[in-house]
Amino acid sequence: MRLFNATKANCSSARYSSCANSADKRCQKHGKMRQNYIRLFAIVFATLMFILSVIIATLAGNPKIHCGLFNQTIADVSRKYSSSITPASQTFFIWSIIYLWQVVWLLYGMSLICRRRSHHYLYVFPPILSTTFYVAFAVNNIFTIAWTFVWIHEMIQVALAMLAASVISLYLSLYCSFKNLYKFLNLLYKEDLGTDVWLMRILVQNGLSFYATWSTFATLLNFAIVLNDSGGINKNMAGTITLGIAALFMLLWFMLDCIILDKYVRYTFSPYVVLIVAFTGIMVQHFDLSLHPRNSILTCVLLVLSALMLLCKFITVTWLHSHQPIIIKAPIYALPTTHNMN
């Protein structure tokens, strides 16, 4: 069986080399390289939607520069519809980090348009940042813009739906990135693109995971507000329910991260950092054992649990990186077909 698998792998590798060489000769013959105009449009569209989203968020957050577009700010509405688990205002500096991180990986993605290997532009093949990836990110920004308007107009339930939709679209972008990087991992190393593997992991995957985790947390905060405002549940109980859901999400992700999805998400640490920041913000703002002991204790437990998860993740990845490198498990080749370039 081992001999059969080795023979199959060698044949597959030979097929890839033959196909790649044929493609190179065709490109050399015609004097040009293949472009993917649909993906180019998706890259530009996603970038423009992100810029627009940042502009709208900036206008909605500063009453001095709203240009008459809004009659109140995001913070004004947040004060009207506060919850028992809304973190301290200083916590929201995290948005600056989120925006900066997205800018960096978007610039990296655009740099692939100008780079090539084996007569393929790197934005075309291998398609780590696929068309679907960029479209999903653009959709996220569209929903984020929609959330800003409905939130400022105090349409709390609709705002919850907009946030949930934006989070789902971020998850789709992450799915595309994780899946494609693993699929083409060996090919990237073969093409001497090991640096790009780490840039994808650090800039794209950790950056988007950072964003997605905070957006998930924001969705849970919005859910707590809806429970209180529309569901008639008091603030403390709404906070307890929401923290319980957050705990379930944390445990589910930790199991998926360390057991089931390890080969895809091994080097993704940023979700745990976001959780630590979020629960620290809640502790600073609401920790009071005399007024609401249940939520104070639960938040403290979740903060400690987040820190332990991050520590466990770091120790586990350090060992696995040396003893079980992902490249051994990854597919041996990927044919540069038209299907793979879409």
C-alpha atoms as a PDB file:
ATOM      1  CA  MET A   1       0.000   0.000   0.000  1.00  0.00           C
ATOM      2  CA  ARG A   2       2.826   2.415   0.872  1.00  0.00           C
ATOM      3  CA  LEU A   3       4.553   1.575  -2.412  1.00  0.00           C
ATOM      4  CA  PHE A   4       1.294   2.229  -4.272  1.00  0.00           C
ATOM      5  CA  ASN A   5       0.801   5.597  -2.549  1.00  0.00           C
ATOM      6  CA  ALA A   6       4.395   6.626  -3.235  1.00  0.00           C
ATOM      7  CA  THR A   7       4.039   5.659  -6.894  1.00  0.00           C
ATOM      8  CA  LYS A   8       0.754   7.550  -7.110  1.00  0.00           C
ATOM      9  CA  ALA A   9       2.332  10.639  -5.547  1.00  0.00           C
ATOM     10  CA  ASN A  10       5.260  10.532  -7.965  1.00  0.00           C
ATOM     11  CA  CYS A  11       2.925  10.160 -10.923  1.00  0.00           C
ATOM     12  CA  SER A  12       0.806  13.032  -9.669  1.00  0.00           C
ATOM     13  CA  SER A  13       3.876  15.195  -9.263  1.00  0.00           C
ATOM     14  CA  ALA A  14       5.010  14.277 -12.764  1.00  0.00           C
ATOM     15  CA  ARG A  15       1.579  15.146 -14.149  1.00  0.00           C
ATOM     16  CA  TYR A  16       1.747  18.521 -12.436  1.00  0.00           C
ATOM     17  CA  SER A  17       5.232  19.243 -13.806  1.00  0.00           C
ATOM     18  CA  SER A  18       4.193  18.209 -17.308  1.00  0.00           C
ATOM     19  CA  CYS A  19       1.046  20.300 -17.192  1.00  0.00           C
ATOM     20  CA  ALA A  20       2.870  23.304 -15.737  1.00  0.00           C
ATOM     21  CA  ASN A  21       5.608  23.067 -18.385  1.00  0.00           C
ATOM     22  CA  SER A  22       3.013  22.837 -21.151  1.00  0.00           C
ATOM     23  CA  ALA A  23       1.234  25.874 -19.768  1.00  0.00           C
ATOM     24  CA  ASP A  24       4.538  27.760 -19.555  1.00  0.00           C
ATOM     25  CA  LYS A  25       5.359  26.951 -23.183  1.00  0.00           C
ATOM     26  CA  ARG A  26       1.931  28.126 -24.330  1.00  0.00           C
ATOM     27  CA  CYS A  27       2.360  31.372 -22.383  1.00  0.00           C
ATOM     28  CA  GLN A  28       5.831  31.908 -23.823  1.00  0.00           C
ATOM     29  CA  LYS A  29       4.538  31.200 -27.311  1.00  0.00           C
ATOM     30  CA  HIS A  30       1.762  33.775 -27.065  1.00  0.00           C
ATOM     31  CA  GLY A  31       3.944  36.242 -25.167  1.00  0.00           C
ATOM     32  CA  LYS A  32       1.437  36.924 -22.402  1.00  0.00           C
ATOM     33  CA  MET A  33       0.153  35.584 -19.114  1.00  0.00           C
ATOM     34  CA  ARG A  34      -3.375  34.744 -18.188  1.00  0.00           C
ATOM     35  CA  GLN A  35      -5.390  37.418 -16.372  1.00  0.00           C
ATOM     36  CA  ASN A  36      -8.519  36.867 -14.302  1.00  0.00           C
ATOM     37  CA  TYR A  37     -10.586  40.003 -14.803  1.00  0.00           C
ATOM     38  CA  ILE A  38     -13.422  38.809 -12.599  1.00  0.00           C
ATOM     39  CA  ARG A  39     -11.018  38.418  -9.692  1.00  0.00           C
ATOM     40  CA  LEU A  40      -9.409  41.770 -10.453  1.00  0.00           C
ATOM     41  CA  PHE A  41     -12.842  43.366 -10.240  1.00  0.00           C
ATOM     42  CA  ALA A  42     -13.536  41.508  -6.974  1.00  0.00           C
ATOM     43  CA  ILE A  43     -10.266  42.793  -5.470  1.00  0.00           C
ATOM     44  CA  VAL A  44     -11.022  46.388  -6.434  1.00  0.00           C
ATOM     45  CA  PHE A  45     -14.659  46.121  -5.334  1.00  0.00           C
ATOM     46  CA  ALA A  46     -13.753  44.625  -1.947  1.00  0.00           C
ATOM     47  CA  THR A  47     -11.153  47.343  -1.370  1.00  0.00           C
ATOM     48  CA  LEU A  48     -13.576  50.133  -2.271  1.00  0.00           C
ATOM     49  CA  MET A  49     -16.294  48.683  -0.020  1.00  0.00           C
ATOM     50  CA  PHE A  50     -13.831  48.512   2.850  1.00  0.00           C
ATOM     51  CA  ILE A  51     -12.780  52.141   2.331  1.00  0.00           C
ATOM     52  CA  LEU A  52     -16.430  53.216   2.187  1.00  0.00           C
ATOM     53  CA  SER A  53     -17.185  51.237   5.342  1.00  0.00           C
ATOM     54  CA  VAL A  54     -14.354  52.960   7.229  1.00  0.00           C
ATOM     55  CA  ILE A  55     -15.496  56.391   6.014  1.00  0.00           C
ATOM     56  CA  ILE A  56     -19.109  55.757   7.073  1.00  0.00           C
ATOM     57  CA  ALA A  57     -18.012  54.416  10.469  1.00  0.00           C
ATOM     58  CA  THR A  58     -15.788  57.473  11.000  1.00  0.00           C
ATOM     59  CA  LEU A  59     -18.592  59.880  10.108  1.00  0.00           C
ATOM     60  CA  ALA A  60     -21.053  58.008  12.319  1.00  0.00           C
ATOM     61  CA  GLY A  61     -18.646  58.037  15.243  1.00  0.00           C
ATOM     62  CA  ASN A  62     -17.724  61.723  15.233  1.00  0.00           C
ATOM     63  CA  PRO A  63     -20.483  64.363  15.581  1.00  0.00           C
ATOM     64  CA  LYS A  64     -18.148  67.104  14.311  1.00  0.00           C
ATOM     65  CA  ILE A  65     -17.629  65.569  10.884  1.00  0.00           C
ATOM     66  CA  HIS A  66     -20.875  63.725  10.163  1.00  0.00           C
ATOM     67  CA  CYS A  67     -21.642  66.217   7.327  1.00  0.00           C
ATOM     68  CA  GLY A  68     -25.356  66.126   8.137  1.00  0.00           C
ATOM     69  CA  LEU A  69     -25.545  62.445   7.241  1.00  0.00           C
ATOM     70  CA  PHE A  70     -26.452  61.351  10.780  1.00  0.00           C
ATOM     71  CA  ASN A  71     -28.446  63.032  13.543  1.00  0.00           C
ATOM     72  CA  GLN A  72     -26.594  61.154  16.292  1.00  0.00           C
ATOM     73  CA  THR A  73     -23.515  58.991  16.699  1.00  0.00           C
ATOM     74  CA  ILE A  74     -23.041  55.267  17.214  1.00  0.00           C
ATOM     75  CA  ALA A  75     -21.988  55.991  20.797  1.00  0.00           C
ATOM     76  CA  ASP A  76     -25.169  58.011  21.436  1.00  0.00           C
ATOM     77  CA  VAL A  77     -27.337  55.039  20.507  1.00  0.00           C
ATOM     78  CA  SER A  78     -25.117  52.684  22.488  1.00  0.00           C
ATOM     79  CA  ARG A  79     -25.694  54.797  25.594  1.00  0.00           C
ATOM     80  CA  LYS A  80     -29.455  54.660  25.059  1.00  0.00           C
ATOM     81  CA  TYR A  81     -29.421  50.883  24.596  1.00  0.00           C
ATOM     82  CA  SER A  82     -26.712  49.784  26.984  1.00  0.00           C
ATOM     83  CA  SER A  83     -26.387  46.248  28.311  1.00  0.00           C
ATOM     84  CA  SER A  84     -24.946  44.749  31.466  1.00  0.00           C
ATOM     85  CA  ILE A  85     -22.004  43.352  29.480  1.00  0.00           C
ATOM     86  CA  THR A  86     -21.081  46.318  27.282  1.00  0.00           C
ATOM     87  CA  PRO A  87     -17.300  46.712  27.742  1.00  0.00           C
ATOM     88  CA  ALA A  88     -15.565  49.909  28.830  1.00  0.00           C
ATOM     89  CA  SER A  89     -15.328  52.583  26.157  1.00  0.00           C
ATOM     90  CA  GLN A  90     -11.530  52.211  26.000  1.00  0.00           C
ATOM     91  CA  THR A  91     -12.041  48.680  24.706  1.00  0.00           C
ATOM     92  CA  PHE A  92     -13.336  49.959  21.395  1.00  0.00           C
ATOM     93  CA  PHE A  93      -9.851  51.116  20.419  1.00  0.00           C
ATOM     94  CA  ILE A  94      -9.714  47.616  19.002  1.00  0.00           C
ATOM     95  CA  TRP A  95     -11.473  48.937  15.893  1.00  0.00           C
ATOM     96  CA  SER A  96      -8.333  50.904  15.025  1.00  0.00           C
ATOM     97  CA  ILE A  97      -6.314  47.687  15.132  1.00  0.00           C
ATOM     98  CA  ILE A  98      -8.947  45.877  13.066  1.00  0.00           C
ATOM     99  CA  TYR A  99      -8.974  48.537  10.350  1.00  0.00           C
ATOM    100  CA  LEU A 100      -5.178  48.747  10.228  1.00  0.00           C
ATOM    101  CA  TRP A 101      -4.856  44.964   9.962  1.00  0.00           C
ATOM    102  CA  GLN A 102      -7.363  44.841   7.097  1.00  0.00           C
ATOM    103  CA  VAL A 103      -5.492  47.604   5.261  1.00  0.00           C
ATOM    104  CA  VAL A 104      -2.230  45.662   5.531  1.00  0.00           C
ATOM    105  CA  TRP A 105      -3.589  42.397   4.148  1.00  0.00           C
ATOM    106  CA  LEU A 106      -5.537  44.188   1.406  1.00  0.00           C
ATOM    107  CA  LEU A 107      -2.281  45.827   0.297  1.00  0.00           C
ATOM    108  CA  TYR A 108      -0.605  42.431   0.377  1.00  0.00           C
ATOM    109  CA  GLY A 109      -3.427  40.979  -1.734  1.00  0.00           C
ATOM    110  CA  MET A 110      -3.014  43.766  -4.285  1.00  0.00           C
ATOM    111  CA  SER A 111       0.727  43.126  -4.423  1.00  0.00           C
ATOM    112  CA  LEU A 112      -0.024  39.658  -5.811  1.00  0.00           C
ATOM    113  CA  ILE A 113      -1.419  41.334  -8.931  1.00  0.00           C
ATOM    114  CA  CYS A 114       2.107  42.462  -9.811  1.00  0.00           C
ATOM    115  CA  ARG A 115       3.947  39.268  -8.881  1.00  0.00           C
ATOM    116  CA  ARG A 116       4.299  36.054 -10.852  1.00  0.00           C
ATOM    117  CA  ARG A 117       5.715  32.552 -10.782  1.00  0.00           C
ATOM    118  CA  SER A 118       5.983  30.064 -13.653  1.00  0.00           C
ATOM    119  CA  HIS A 119       4.168  32.434 -16.020  1.00  0.00           C
ATOM    120  CA  HIS A 120       1.207  32.840 -13.674  1.00  0.00           C
ATOM    121  CA  TYR A 121       0.294  35.970 -11.804  1.00  0.00           C
ATOM    122  CA  LEU A 122       0.115  35.063  -8.124  1.00  0.00           C
ATOM    123  CA  TYR A 123      -3.346  36.570  -7.730  1.00  0.00           C
ATOM    124  CA  VAL A 124      -4.514  34.109 -10.415  1.00  0.00           C
ATOM    125  CA  PHE A 125      -2.724  30.934  -9.347  1.00  0.00           C
ATOM    126  CA  PRO A 126      -2.535  29.517  -6.789  1.00  0.00           C
ATOM    127  CA  PRO A 127      -5.909  31.079  -5.856  1.00  0.00           C
ATOM    128  CA  ILE A 128      -5.455  31.338  -2.090  1.00  0.00           C
ATOM    129  CA  LEU A 129      -7.346  34.640  -2.059  1.00  0.00           C
ATOM    130  CA  SER A 130     -10.050  33.535  -4.453  1.00  0.00           C
ATOM    131  CA  THR A 131     -12.836  35.508  -6.081  1.00  0.00           C
ATOM    132  CA  THR A 132     -15.286  34.120  -3.531  1.00  0.00           C
ATOM    133  CA  PHE A 133     -12.956  35.261  -0.749  1.00  0.00           C
ATOM    134  CA  TYR A 134     -13.000  38.867  -1.952  1.00  0.00           C
ATOM    135  CA  VAL A 135     -16.720  38.906  -2.732  1.00  0.00           C
ATOM    136  CA  ALA A 136     -17.520  37.631   0.764  1.00  0.00           C
ATOM    137  CA  PHE A 137     -15.316  40.336   2.283  1.00  0.00           C
ATOM    138  CA  ALA A 138     -17.051  42.981   0.164  1.00  0.00           C
ATOM    139  CA  VAL A 139     -20.446  41.691   1.297  1.00  0.00           C
ATOM    140  CA  ASN A 140     -19.274  41.944   4.901  1.00  0.00           C
ATOM    141  CA  ASN A 141     -18.517  45.621   4.407  1.00  0.00           C
ATOM    142  CA  ILE A 142     -21.870  46.222   2.744  1.00  0.00           C
ATOM    143  CA  PHE A 143     -23.669  44.715   5.734  1.00  0.00           C
ATOM    144  CA  THR A 144     -21.456  46.735   8.084  1.00  0.00           C
ATOM    145  CA  ILE A 145     -22.464  49.939   6.304  1.00  0.00           C
ATOM    146  CA  ALA A 146     -26.118  48.892   6.505  1.00  0.00           C
ATOM    147  CA  TRP A 147     -25.709  48.168  10.225  1.00  0.00           C
ATOM    148  CA  THR A 148     -24.367  51.688  10.822  1.00  0.00           C
ATOM    149  CA  PHE A 149     -27.456  53.305   9.307  1.00  0.00           C
ATOM    150  CA  VAL A 150     -30.054  51.070  10.972  1.00  0.00           C
ATOM    151  CA  TRP A 151     -28.275  51.294  14.346  1.00  0.00           C
ATOM    152  CA  ILE A 152     -28.213  55.090  14.293  1.00  0.00           C
ATOM    153  CA  HIS A 153     -31.916  55.046  13.394  1.00  0.00           C
ATOM    154  CA  GLU A 154     -32.434  52.785  16.440  1.00  0.00           C
ATOM    155  CA  MET A 155     -33.720  49.800  14.462  1.00  0.00           C
ATOM    156  CA  ILE A 156     -32.166  47.434  16.972  1.00  0.00           C
ATOM    157  CA  GLN A 157     -33.591  44.149  15.708  1.00  0.00           C
ATOM    158  CA  VAL A 158     -32.653  44.897  12.100  1.00  0.00           C
ATOM    159  CA  ALA A 159     -29.191  45.921  13.277  1.00  0.00           C
ATOM    160  CA  LEU A 160     -28.784  42.495  14.878  1.00  0.00           C
ATOM    161  CA  ALA A 161     -29.635  40.824  11.562  1.00  0.00           C
ATOM    162  CA  MET A 162     -27.124  43.041   9.716  1.00  0.00           C
ATOM    163  CA  LEU A 163     -24.365  42.190  12.184  1.00  0.00           C
ATOM    164  CA  ALA A 164     -25.100  38.474  11.994  1.00  0.00           C
ATOM    165  CA  ALA A 165     -24.975  38.610   8.184  1.00  0.00           C
ATOM    166  CA  SER A 166     -21.657  40.479   8.246  1.00  0.00           C
ATOM    167  CA  VAL A 167     -20.181  37.853  10.580  1.00  0.00           C
ATOM    168  CA  ILE A 168     -21.327  34.996   8.345  1.00  0.00           C
ATOM    169  CA  SER A 169     -19.689  36.641   5.325  1.00  0.00           C
ATOM    170  CA  LEU A 170     -16.433  36.983   7.281  1.00  0.00           C
ATOM    171  CA  TYR A 171     -16.613  33.297   8.159  1.00  0.00           C
ATOM    172  CA  LEU A 172     -16.989  32.524   4.447  1.00  0.00           C
ATOM    173  CA  SER A 173     -13.877  34.563   3.620  1.00  0.00           C
ATOM    174  CA  LEU A 174     -11.955  32.715   6.317  1.00  0.00           C
ATOM    175  CA  TYR A 175     -13.207  29.361   5.039  1.00  0.00           C
ATOM    176  CA  CYS A 176     -11.902  30.144   1.544  1.00  0.00           C
ATOM    177  CA  SER A 177      -8.535  31.279   2.883  1.00  0.00           C
ATOM    178  CA  PHE A 178      -7.975  28.321   5.218  1.00  0.00           C
ATOM    179  CA  LYS A 179      -9.121  25.750   2.674  1.00  0.00           C
ATOM    180  CA  ASN A 180      -7.101  27.121  -0.248  1.00  0.00           C
ATOM    181  CA  LEU A 181      -3.894  27.707   1.686  1.00  0.00           C
ATOM    182  CA  TYR A 182      -3.898  24.111   2.885  1.00  0.00           C
ATOM    183  CA  LYS A 183      -4.792  22.835  -0.585  1.00  0.00           C
ATOM    184  CA  PHE A 184      -1.862  24.602  -2.259  1.00  0.00           C
ATOM    185  CA  LEU A 185       0.588  24.554   0.646  1.00  0.00           C
ATOM    186  CA  ASN A 186       3.131  22.170  -0.858  1.00  0.00           C
ATOM    187  CA  LEU A 187       2.919  23.927  -4.205  1.00  0.00           C
ATOM    188  CA  LEU A 188       3.714  27.271  -2.555  1.00  0.00           C
ATOM    189  CA  TYR A 189       6.812  25.824  -0.916  1.00  0.00           C
ATOM    190  CA  LYS A 190       7.815  24.141  -4.181  1.00  0.00           C
ATOM    191  CA  GLU A 191       7.592  27.516  -5.951  1.00  0.00           C
ATOM    192  CA  ASP A 192       9.796  29.073  -3.234  1.00  0.00           C
ATOM    193  CA  LEU A 193       6.858  31.029  -1.786  1.00  0.00           C
ATOM    194  CA  GLY A 194       7.296  30.008   1.832  1.00  0.00           C
ATOM    195  CA  THR A 195       7.338  33.661   2.897  1.00  0.00           C
ATOM    196  CA  ASP A 196       3.914  34.107   1.344  1.00  0.00           C
ATOM    197  CA  VAL A 197       2.603  31.167   3.345  1.00  0.00           C
ATOM    198  CA  TRP A 198       3.463  33.025   6.545  1.00  0.00           C
ATOM    199  CA  LEU A 199       2.188  36.338   5.216  1.00  0.00           C
ATOM    200  CA  MET A 200      -1.125  34.633   4.476  1.00  0.00           C
ATOM    201  CA  ARG A 201      -1.245  33.173   7.969  1.00  0.00           C
ATOM    202  CA  ILE A 202      -0.233  36.335   9.822  1.00  0.00           C
ATOM    203  CA  LEU A 203      -1.813  39.080   7.742  1.00  0.00           C
ATOM    204  CA  VAL A 204      -4.847  37.495   6.126  1.00  0.00           C
ATOM    205  CA  GLN A 205      -5.954  34.656   8.370  1.00  0.00           C
ATOM    206  CA  ASN A 206      -5.088  36.183  11.742  1.00  0.00           C
ATOM    207  CA  GLY A 207      -6.263  39.609  10.591  1.00  0.00           C
ATOM    208  CA  LEU A 208      -9.641  38.356   9.414  1.00  0.00           C
ATOM    209  CA  SER A 209     -10.002  36.085  12.449  1.00  0.00           C
ATOM    210  CA  PHE A 210      -9.345  39.085  14.697  1.00  0.00           C
ATOM    211  CA  TYR A 211     -12.072  41.006  12.855  1.00  0.00           C
ATOM    212  CA  ALA A 212     -14.511  38.084  12.797  1.00  0.00           C
ATOM    213  CA  THR A 213     -14.109  37.352  16.512  1.00  0.00           C
ATOM    214  CA  TRP A 214     -14.770  40.955  17.500  1.00  0.00           C
ATOM    215  CA  SER A 215     -17.745  41.123  15.122  1.00  0.00           C
ATOM    216  CA  THR A 216     -19.112  37.949  16.702  1.00  0.00           C
ATOM    217  CA  PHE A 217     -18.718  39.540  20.132  1.00  0.00           C
ATOM    218  CA  ALA A 218     -20.465  42.706  18.890  1.00  0.00           C
ATOM    219  CA  THR A 219     -23.314  40.561  17.571  1.00  0.00           C
ATOM    220  CA  LEU A 220     -23.719  38.964  20.997  1.00  0.00           C
ATOM    221  CA  LEU A 221     -23.816  42.429  22.598  1.00  0.00           C
ATOM    222  CA  ASN A 222     -26.516  43.452  20.136  1.00  0.00           C
ATOM    223  CA  PHE A 223     -28.383  40.236  20.982  1.00  0.00           C
ATOM    224  CA  ALA A 224     -28.303  41.107  24.705  1.00  0.00           C
ATOM    225  CA  ILE A 225     -29.783  44.519  23.900  1.00  0.00           C
ATOM    226  CA  VAL A 226     -32.575  42.948  21.824  1.00  0.00           C
ATOM    227  CA  LEU A 227     -33.364  40.501  24.642  1.00  0.00           C
ATOM    228  CA  ASN A 228     -33.750  43.424  27.026  1.00  0.00           C
ATOM    229  CA  ASP A 229     -35.440  45.931  24.727  1.00  0.00           C
ATOM    230  CA  SER A 230     -37.737  43.653  22.717  1.00  0.00           C
ATOM    231  CA  GLY A 231     -37.837  40.445  24.733  1.00  0.00           C
ATOM    232  CA  GLY A 232     -38.675  42.020  28.070  1.00  0.00           C
ATOM    233  CA  ILE A 233     -35.771  40.287  29.831  1.00  0.00           C
ATOM    234  CA  ASN A 234     -33.961  42.353  32.462  1.00  0.00           C
ATOM    235  CA  LYS A 235     -30.433  43.498  31.674  1.00  0.00           C
ATOM    236  CA  ASN A 236     -28.651  41.190  34.103  1.00  0.00           C
ATOM    237  CA  MET A 237     -30.431  38.071  32.854  1.00  0.00           C
ATOM    238  CA  ALA A 238     -29.911  39.110  29.220  1.00  0.00           C
ATOM    239  CA  GLY A 239     -26.211  39.505  30.004  1.00  0.00           C
ATOM    240  CA  THR A 240     -26.075  36.082  31.641  1.00  0.00           C
ATOM    241  CA  ILE A 241     -27.734  34.418  28.651  1.00  0.00           C
ATOM    242  CA  THR A 242     -25.353  36.151  26.263  1.00  0.00           C
ATOM    243  CA  LEU A 243     -22.275  35.236  28.299  1.00  0.00           C
ATOM    244  CA  GLY A 244     -23.493  31.636  28.352  1.00  0.00           C
ATOM    245  CA  ILE A 245     -23.747  31.644  24.556  1.00  0.00           C
ATOM    246  CA  ALA A 246     -20.271  33.189  24.357  1.00  0.00           C
ATOM    247  CA  ALA A 247     -18.931  30.396  26.570  1.00  0.00           C
ATOM    248  CA  LEU A 248     -20.450  27.765  24.271  1.00  0.00           C
ATOM    249  CA  PHE A 249     -18.919  29.442  21.209  1.00  0.00           C
ATOM    250  CA  MET A 250     -15.526  29.569  22.926  1.00  0.00           C
ATOM    251  CA  LEU A 251     -15.541  25.899  23.877  1.00  0.00           C
ATOM    252  CA  LEU A 252     -16.780  24.855  20.431  1.00  0.00           C
ATOM    253  CA  TRP A 253     -14.085  26.878  18.676  1.00  0.00           C
ATOM    254  CA  PHE A 254     -11.345  25.600  20.967  1.00  0.00           C
ATOM    255  CA  MET A 255     -12.273  21.983  20.196  1.00  0.00           C
ATOM    256  CA  LEU A 256     -12.467  22.664  16.461  1.00  0.00           C
ATOM    257  CA  ASP A 257      -9.221  24.623  16.571  1.00  0.00           C
ATOM    258  CA  CYS A 258      -7.133  22.049  18.406  1.00  0.00           C
ATOM    259  CA  ILE A 259      -8.658  18.775  17.203  1.00  0.00           C
ATOM    260  CA  ILE A 260     -10.691  18.883  14.002  1.00  0.00           C
ATOM    261  CA  LEU A 261      -9.389  21.897  12.065  1.00  0.00           C
ATOM    262  CA  ASP A 262      -5.780  21.933  13.248  1.00  0.00           C
ATOM    263  CA  LYS A 263      -4.256  21.452   9.787  1.00  0.00           C
ATOM    264  CA  TYR A 264      -6.141  24.525   8.560  1.00  0.00           C
ATOM    265  CA  VAL A 265      -6.051  26.931  11.523  1.00  0.00           C
ATOM    266  CA  ARG A 266      -2.965  25.887  13.478  1.00  0.00           C
ATOM    267  CA  TYR A 267      -1.267  29.287  13.390  1.00  0.00           C
ATOM    268  CA  THR A 268      -4.382  31.369  14.057  1.00  0.00           C
ATOM    269  CA  PHE A 269      -4.029  32.905  17.525  1.00  0.00           C
ATOM    270  CA  SER A 270      -5.910  36.200  17.222  1.00  0.00           C
ATOM    271  CA  PRO A 271      -9.401  35.013  18.332  1.00  0.00           C
ATOM    272  CA  TYR A 272      -8.128  34.350  21.843  1.00  0.00           C
ATOM    273  CA  VAL A 273      -6.520  37.799  22.032  1.00  0.00           C
ATOM    274  CA  VAL A 274      -9.855  39.395  21.126  1.00  0.00           C
ATOM    275  CA  LEU A 275     -11.654  37.379  23.791  1.00  0.00           C
ATOM    276  CA  ILE A 276      -9.168  38.498  26.436  1.00  0.00           C
ATOM    277  CA  VAL A 277      -9.622  42.149  25.424  1.00  0.00           C
ATOM    278  CA  ALA A 278     -13.428  41.839  25.351  1.00  0.00           C
ATOM    279  CA  PHE A 279     -13.810  40.177  28.741  1.00  0.00           C
ATOM    280  CA  THR A 280     -11.268  42.542  30.293  1.00  0.00           C
ATOM    281  CA  GLY A 281     -13.386  45.447  29.034  1.00  0.00           C
ATOM    282  CA  ILE A 282     -16.504  43.953  30.621  1.00  0.00           C
ATOM    283  CA  MET A 283     -14.655  43.421  33.902  1.00  0.00           C
ATOM    284  CA  VAL A 284     -13.441  47.035  33.975  1.00  0.00           C
ATOM    285  CA  GLN A 285     -16.921  48.388  33.300  1.00  0.00           C
ATOM    286  CA  HIS A 286     -19.216  46.049  35.221  1.00  0.00           C
ATOM    287  CA  PHE A 287     -17.344  43.948  37.772  1.00  0.00           C
ATOM    288  CA  ASP A 288     -19.245  44.375  41.035  1.00  0.00           C
ATOM    289  CA  LEU A 289     -19.931  41.374  43.248  1.00  0.00           C
ATOM    290  CA  SER A 290     -22.502  43.284  45.281  1.00  0.00           C
ATOM    291  CA  LEU A 291     -24.659  44.559  42.399  1.00  0.00           C
ATOM    292  CA  HIS A 292     -24.501  41.701  39.880  1.00  0.00           C
ATOM    293  CA  PRO A 293     -22.381  38.855  41.255  1.00  0.00           C
ATOM    294  CA  ARG A 294     -23.496  36.252  38.705  1.00  0.00           C
ATOM    295  CA  ASN A 295     -22.295  38.131  35.636  1.00  0.00           C
ATOM    296  CA  SER A 296     -19.171  39.362  37.425  1.00  0.00           C
ATOM    297  CA  ILE A 297     -18.112  35.832  38.325  1.00  0.00           C
ATOM    298  CA  LEU A 298     -19.035  34.443  34.903  1.00  0.00           C
ATOM    299  CA  THR A 299     -17.066  37.168  33.118  1.00  0.00           C
ATOM    300  CA  CYS A 300     -14.058  36.539  35.352  1.00  0.00           C
ATOM    301  CA  VAL A 301     -14.223  32.804  34.610  1.00  0.00           C
ATOM    302  CA  LEU A 302     -14.437  33.437  30.859  1.00  0.00           C
ATOM    303  CA  LEU A 303     -11.488  35.834  31.001  1.00  0.00           C
ATOM    304  CA  VAL A 304      -9.328  33.271  32.785  1.00  0.00           C
ATOM    305  CA  LEU A 305     -10.522  30.561  30.396  1.00  0.00           C
ATOM    306  CA  SER A 306      -9.592  32.708  27.376  1.00  0.00           C
ATOM    307  CA  ALA A 307      -6.093  33.250  28.749  1.00  0.00           C
ATOM    308  CA  LEU A 308      -5.671  29.527  29.434  1.00  0.00           C
ATOM    309  CA  MET A 309      -6.867  28.685  25.925  1.00  0.00           C
ATOM    310  CA  LEU A 310      -4.303  31.065  24.430  1.00  0.00           C
ATOM    311  CA  LEU A 311      -1.535  29.568  26.569  1.00  0.00           C
ATOM    312  CA  CYS A 312      -2.579  26.028  25.663  1.00  0.00           C
ATOM    313  CA  LYS A 313      -2.731  26.980  21.988  1.00  0.00           C
ATOM    314  CA  PHE A 314       0.766  28.457  22.105  1.00  0.00           C
ATOM    315  CA  ILE A 315       2.268  25.410  23.826  1.00  0.00           C
ATOM    316  CA  THR A 316       0.490  22.970  21.508  1.00  0.00           C
ATOM    317  CA  VAL A 317       1.480  24.795  18.319  1.00  0.00           C
ATOM    318  CA  THR A 318       5.090  25.096  19.471  1.00  0.00           C
ATOM    319  CA  TRP A 319       5.287  21.324  19.866  1.00  0.00           C
ATOM    320  CA  LEU A 320       3.345  20.492  16.686  1.00  0.00           C
ATOM    321  CA  HIS A 321       5.420  22.878  14.585  1.00  0.00           C
ATOM    322  CA  SER A 322       8.528  20.830  15.362  1.00  0.00           C
ATOM    323  CA  HIS A 323       7.083  17.326  15.480  1.00  0.00           C
ATOM    324  CA  GLN A 324       4.089  17.318  13.100  1.00  0.00           C
ATOM    325  CA  PRO A 325       4.525  19.993  10.407  1.00  0.00           C
ATOM    326  CA  ILE A 326       1.411  20.607   8.354  1.00  0.00           C
ATOM    327  CA  ILE A 327       3.225  20.304   5.037  1.00  0.00           C
ATOM    328  CA  ILE A 328       3.469  16.529   5.539  1.00  0.00           C
ATOM    329  CA  LYS A 329      -0.324  16.280   5.589  1.00  0.00           C
ATOM    330  CA  ALA A 330      -1.055  18.744   2.817  1.00  0.00           C
ATOM    331  CA  PRO A 331      -1.843  17.624  -0.762  1.00  0.00           C
ATOM    332  CA  ILE A 332       1.246  16.956  -2.844  1.00  0.00           C
ATOM    333  CA  TYR A 333       0.232  18.915  -5.912  1.00  0.00           C
ATOM    334  CA  ALA A 334      -2.461  20.985  -7.557  1.00  0.00           C
ATOM    335  CA  LEU A 335      -2.916  21.181 -11.298  1.00  0.00           C
ATOM    336  CA  PRO A 336      -2.960  24.727 -12.716  1.00  0.00           C
ATOM    337  CA  THR A 337      -6.222  24.182 -14.565  1.00  0.00           C
ATOM    338  CA  THR A 338      -8.780  26.775 -15.529  1.00  0.00           C
ATOM    339  CA  HIS A 339     -11.009  25.413 -12.757  1.00  0.00           C
ATOM    340  CA  ASN A 340      -8.341  26.092 -10.120  1.00  0.00           C
ATOM    341  CA  MET A 341      -7.868  29.655 -11.327  1.00  0.00           C
ATOM    342  CA  ASN A 342     -11.497  30.660 -10.858  1.00  0.00           C
END
